[in-house]
Amino acid sequence: MKVNLILIGNSKGVRLPSAIIKECGFGEELDLSVVNGRVVLAPLEHGRAGWDEAFRSMAKAGDDAPLLPDSMAHDWDGEEWTW
């Protein structure tokens, strides 16, 4: 599809048809990158997306034991600091 650059203040932009926005699953924010000289737009992925399901799956499989001890206390925790 051929599109024209439009002037937006001191920048330029591209209008995306709503059908393309829906098909790509775009929200209000996008991830924009340049790959091999091409502009790539992708839905913004949230860093913790899917964690809830992964935790439930781990618990169901019995793979949810803590990796760290309940307490990480050290000797110096009970001592007063000298300045």
N, C-alpha and C. Protein backbone atom coordinates (compact mmCIF):
# COMPACT_ATOMS: atom_id res chain seq x y z
N MET A 1 0.84 -1.16 0.00
CA MET A 1 0.00 0.00 0.00
C MET A 1 0.90 1.24 0.00
N LYS A 2 0.61 2.14 -0.88
CA LYS A 2 1.37 3.39 -0.94
C LYS A 2 0.74 4.40 0.01
N VAL A 3 1.59 5.05 0.82
CA VAL A 3 1.12 6.10 1.72
C VAL A 3 2.03 7.31 1.56
N ASN A 4 1.54 8.45 1.95
CA ASN A 4 2.31 9.69 1.89
C ASN A 4 2.71 10.10 3.29
N LEU A 5 3.90 10.70 3.40
CA LEU A 5 4.31 11.30 4.67
C LEU A 5 3.51 12.58 4.85
N ILE A 6 3.03 12.80 6.07
CA ILE A 6 2.29 14.02 6.37
C ILE A 6 3.08 14.84 7.38
N LEU A 7 2.95 16.14 7.31
CA LEU A 7 3.65 17.04 8.21
C LEU A 7 2.92 17.09 9.55
N ILE A 8 3.67 16.84 10.64
CA ILE A 8 3.14 16.92 12.00
C ILE A 8 4.12 17.78 12.79
N GLY A 9 3.84 19.08 12.88
CA GLY A 9 4.78 19.99 13.53
C GLY A 9 6.08 20.03 12.75
N ASN A 10 7.20 19.78 13.44
CA ASN A 10 8.50 19.73 12.78
C ASN A 10 8.85 18.33 12.32
N SER A 11 7.94 17.39 12.50
CA SER A 11 8.18 15.99 12.13
C SER A 11 7.27 15.58 10.99
N LYS A 12 7.38 14.34 10.61
CA LYS A 12 6.49 13.78 9.59
C LYS A 12 5.94 12.47 10.11
N GLY A 13 4.80 12.08 9.61
CA GLY A 13 4.18 10.85 10.06
C GLY A 13 3.45 10.16 8.93
N VAL A 14 2.86 9.03 9.26
CA VAL A 14 2.10 8.23 8.31
C VAL A 14 0.76 7.91 8.96
N ARG A 15 -0.32 8.06 8.21
CA ARG A 15 -1.64 7.66 8.71
C ARG A 15 -1.81 6.17 8.45
N LEU A 16 -2.22 5.46 9.49
CA LEU A 16 -2.47 4.03 9.35
C LEU A 16 -3.97 3.79 9.29
N PRO A 17 -4.44 3.07 8.28
CA PRO A 17 -5.87 2.76 8.22
C PRO A 17 -6.29 1.93 9.43
N SER A 18 -7.51 2.15 9.92
CA SER A 18 -7.98 1.45 11.12
C SER A 18 -7.98 -0.06 10.93
N ALA A 19 -8.21 -0.55 9.72
CA ALA A 19 -8.19 -2.00 9.48
C ALA A 19 -6.80 -2.57 9.76
N ILE A 20 -5.76 -1.85 9.40
CA ILE A 20 -4.39 -2.32 9.66
C ILE A 20 -4.09 -2.25 11.15
N ILE A 21 -4.55 -1.20 11.81
CA ILE A 21 -4.35 -1.07 13.26
C ILE A 21 -4.99 -2.25 13.98
N LYS A 22 -6.20 -2.60 13.60
CA LYS A 22 -6.90 -3.73 14.23
C LYS A 22 -6.20 -5.05 13.92
N GLU A 23 -5.83 -5.25 12.66
CA GLU A 23 -5.18 -6.51 12.25
C GLU A 23 -3.86 -6.72 12.98
N CYS A 24 -3.13 -5.65 13.23
CA CYS A 24 -1.83 -5.75 13.90
C CYS A 24 -1.95 -5.77 15.42
N GLY A 25 -3.13 -5.48 15.94
CA GLY A 25 -3.32 -5.47 17.39
C GLY A 25 -2.66 -4.29 18.07
N PHE A 26 -2.59 -3.17 17.37
CA PHE A 26 -1.95 -1.98 17.93
C PHE A 26 -2.83 -1.35 18.99
N GLY A 27 -2.19 -0.90 20.09
CA GLY A 27 -2.87 -0.13 21.12
C GLY A 27 -2.50 1.33 20.95
N GLU A 28 -2.47 2.05 22.06
CA GLU A 28 -2.13 3.48 22.02
C GLU A 28 -0.64 3.71 21.83
N GLU A 29 0.20 2.77 22.28
CA GLU A 29 1.65 2.91 22.15
C GLU A 29 2.19 1.77 21.30
N LEU A 30 3.23 2.06 20.53
CA LEU A 30 3.84 1.06 19.65
C LEU A 30 5.34 0.99 19.90
N ASP A 31 5.91 -0.14 19.53
CA ASP A 31 7.36 -0.29 19.52
C ASP A 31 7.81 0.03 18.10
N LEU A 32 8.68 1.03 17.95
CA LEU A 32 9.17 1.43 16.64
C LEU A 32 10.65 1.13 16.56
N SER A 33 11.06 0.48 15.48
CA SER A 33 12.49 0.20 15.28
C SER A 33 12.81 0.28 13.80
N VAL A 34 14.09 0.35 13.51
CA VAL A 34 14.56 0.34 12.13
C VAL A 34 15.38 -0.92 11.96
N VAL A 35 14.98 -1.78 11.02
CA VAL A 35 15.66 -3.04 10.77
C VAL A 35 16.02 -3.10 9.29
N ASN A 36 17.30 -3.17 9.01
CA ASN A 36 17.78 -3.23 7.62
C ASN A 36 17.20 -2.09 6.77
N GLY A 37 17.18 -0.89 7.33
CA GLY A 37 16.72 0.27 6.59
C GLY A 37 15.21 0.37 6.45
N ARG A 38 14.46 -0.45 7.18
CA ARG A 38 13.00 -0.42 7.12
C ARG A 38 12.43 -0.06 8.48
N VAL A 39 11.39 0.72 8.48
CA VAL A 39 10.70 1.07 9.72
C VAL A 39 9.77 -0.08 10.08
N VAL A 40 9.88 -0.54 11.31
CA VAL A 40 9.05 -1.66 11.79
C VAL A 40 8.24 -1.18 12.98
N LEU A 41 6.94 -1.33 12.90
CA LEU A 41 6.04 -1.03 14.01
C LEU A 41 5.49 -2.34 14.54
N ALA A 42 5.44 -2.47 15.86
CA ALA A 42 4.92 -3.68 16.48
C ALA A 42 4.15 -3.29 17.74
N PRO A 43 3.18 -4.13 18.13
CA PRO A 43 2.50 -3.84 19.39
C PRO A 43 3.50 -3.80 20.52
N LEU A 44 3.29 -2.90 21.46
CA LEU A 44 4.18 -2.77 22.60
C LEU A 44 3.93 -3.93 23.55
N GLU A 45 4.96 -4.71 23.80
CA GLU A 45 4.83 -5.85 24.70
C GLU A 45 5.21 -5.40 26.10
N HIS A 46 4.41 -5.79 27.05
CA HIS A 46 4.69 -5.46 28.44
C HIS A 46 5.61 -6.53 29.01
N GLY A 47 6.62 -6.08 29.72
CA GLY A 47 7.67 -6.97 30.23
C GLY A 47 7.18 -8.15 31.03
N ARG A 48 6.07 -8.02 31.73
CA ARG A 48 5.60 -9.11 32.58
C ARG A 48 4.36 -9.79 32.01
N ALA A 49 4.07 -9.55 30.75
CA ALA A 49 2.91 -10.19 30.13
C ALA A 49 3.09 -11.71 30.17
N GLY A 50 2.07 -12.41 30.61
CA GLY A 50 2.11 -13.86 30.66
C GLY A 50 2.67 -14.45 31.94
N TRP A 51 3.16 -13.61 32.84
CA TRP A 51 3.76 -14.13 34.08
C TRP A 51 2.73 -14.86 34.93
N ASP A 52 1.51 -14.32 35.03
CA ASP A 52 0.48 -14.97 35.86
C ASP A 52 0.27 -16.41 35.42
N GLU A 53 0.10 -16.61 34.14
CA GLU A 53 -0.13 -17.97 33.62
C GLU A 53 1.09 -18.85 33.85
N ALA A 54 2.28 -18.30 33.67
CA ALA A 54 3.50 -19.08 33.89
C ALA A 54 3.61 -19.51 35.35
N PHE A 55 3.28 -18.62 36.28
CA PHE A 55 3.33 -18.97 37.70
C PHE A 55 2.30 -20.04 38.04
N ARG A 56 1.10 -19.92 37.48
CA ARG A 56 0.07 -20.94 37.73
C ARG A 56 0.52 -22.30 37.20
N SER A 57 1.12 -22.30 36.03
CA SER A 57 1.61 -23.53 35.42
C SER A 57 2.73 -24.15 36.26
N MET A 58 3.63 -23.31 36.77
CA MET A 58 4.71 -23.81 37.63
C MET A 58 4.15 -24.42 38.91
N ALA A 59 3.17 -23.75 39.52
CA ALA A 59 2.57 -24.25 40.76
C ALA A 59 1.88 -25.59 40.51
N LYS A 60 1.19 -25.69 39.40
CA LYS A 60 0.49 -26.94 39.05
C LYS A 60 1.49 -28.08 38.86
N ALA A 61 2.67 -27.77 38.33
CA ALA A 61 3.70 -28.78 38.08
C ALA A 61 4.57 -29.01 39.31
N GLY A 62 4.31 -28.28 40.41
CA GLY A 62 5.12 -28.42 41.62
C GLY A 62 6.49 -27.80 41.51
N ASP A 63 6.64 -26.88 40.58
CA ASP A 63 7.94 -26.24 40.34
C ASP A 63 7.93 -24.80 40.86
N ASP A 64 7.37 -24.61 42.06
CA ASP A 64 7.27 -23.26 42.58
C ASP A 64 7.94 -23.09 43.94
N ALA A 65 8.93 -23.92 44.21
CA ALA A 65 9.67 -23.80 45.48
C ALA A 65 10.53 -22.54 45.44
N PRO A 66 10.64 -21.83 46.57
CA PRO A 66 11.48 -20.63 46.60
C PRO A 66 12.94 -20.96 46.27
N LEU A 67 13.57 -20.08 45.54
CA LEU A 67 14.97 -20.27 45.18
C LEU A 67 15.91 -19.68 46.22
N LEU A 68 15.39 -18.76 47.04
CA LEU A 68 16.19 -18.13 48.08
C LEU A 68 15.63 -18.53 49.44
N PRO A 69 16.48 -18.56 50.46
CA PRO A 69 15.97 -18.88 51.80
C PRO A 69 15.00 -17.80 52.28
N ASP A 70 14.19 -18.17 53.29
CA ASP A 70 13.22 -17.21 53.84
C ASP A 70 13.91 -15.97 54.38
N SER A 71 15.10 -16.14 54.92
CA SER A 71 15.81 -15.02 55.49
C SER A 71 17.21 -14.96 54.92
N MET A 72 17.63 -13.79 54.60
CA MET A 72 19.00 -13.60 54.10
C MET A 72 19.77 -12.79 55.14
N ALA A 73 19.56 -13.11 56.41
CA ALA A 73 20.17 -12.36 57.50
C ALA A 73 21.68 -12.56 57.53
N HIS A 74 22.37 -11.54 57.98
CA HIS A 74 23.82 -11.56 58.14
C HIS A 74 24.16 -11.18 59.58
N ASP A 75 25.39 -11.46 60.00
CA ASP A 75 25.82 -11.10 61.35
C ASP A 75 25.68 -9.61 61.61
N TRP A 76 25.98 -8.80 60.60
CA TRP A 76 25.96 -7.37 60.81
C TRP A 76 24.55 -6.81 60.92
N ASP A 77 23.52 -7.62 60.65
CA ASP A 77 22.15 -7.14 60.79
C ASP A 77 21.82 -6.82 62.25
N GLY A 78 22.40 -7.56 63.19
CA GLY A 78 22.10 -7.37 64.60
C GLY A 78 23.05 -6.45 65.32
N GLU A 79 24.04 -5.92 64.63
CA GLU A 79 25.04 -5.06 65.25
C GLU A 79 24.80 -3.60 64.90
N GLU A 80 25.17 -2.75 65.84
CA GLU A 80 25.09 -1.31 65.56
C GLU A 80 26.28 -0.92 64.70
N TRP A 81 26.06 -0.03 63.79
CA TRP A 81 27.14 0.45 62.95
C TRP A 81 27.95 1.50 63.70
N THR A 82 29.22 1.49 63.44
CA THR A 82 30.09 2.51 64.01
C THR A 82 30.48 3.47 62.90
N TRP A 83 30.23 4.74 63.15
CA TRP A 83 30.53 5.74 62.13
C TRP A 83 31.81 6.44 62.42
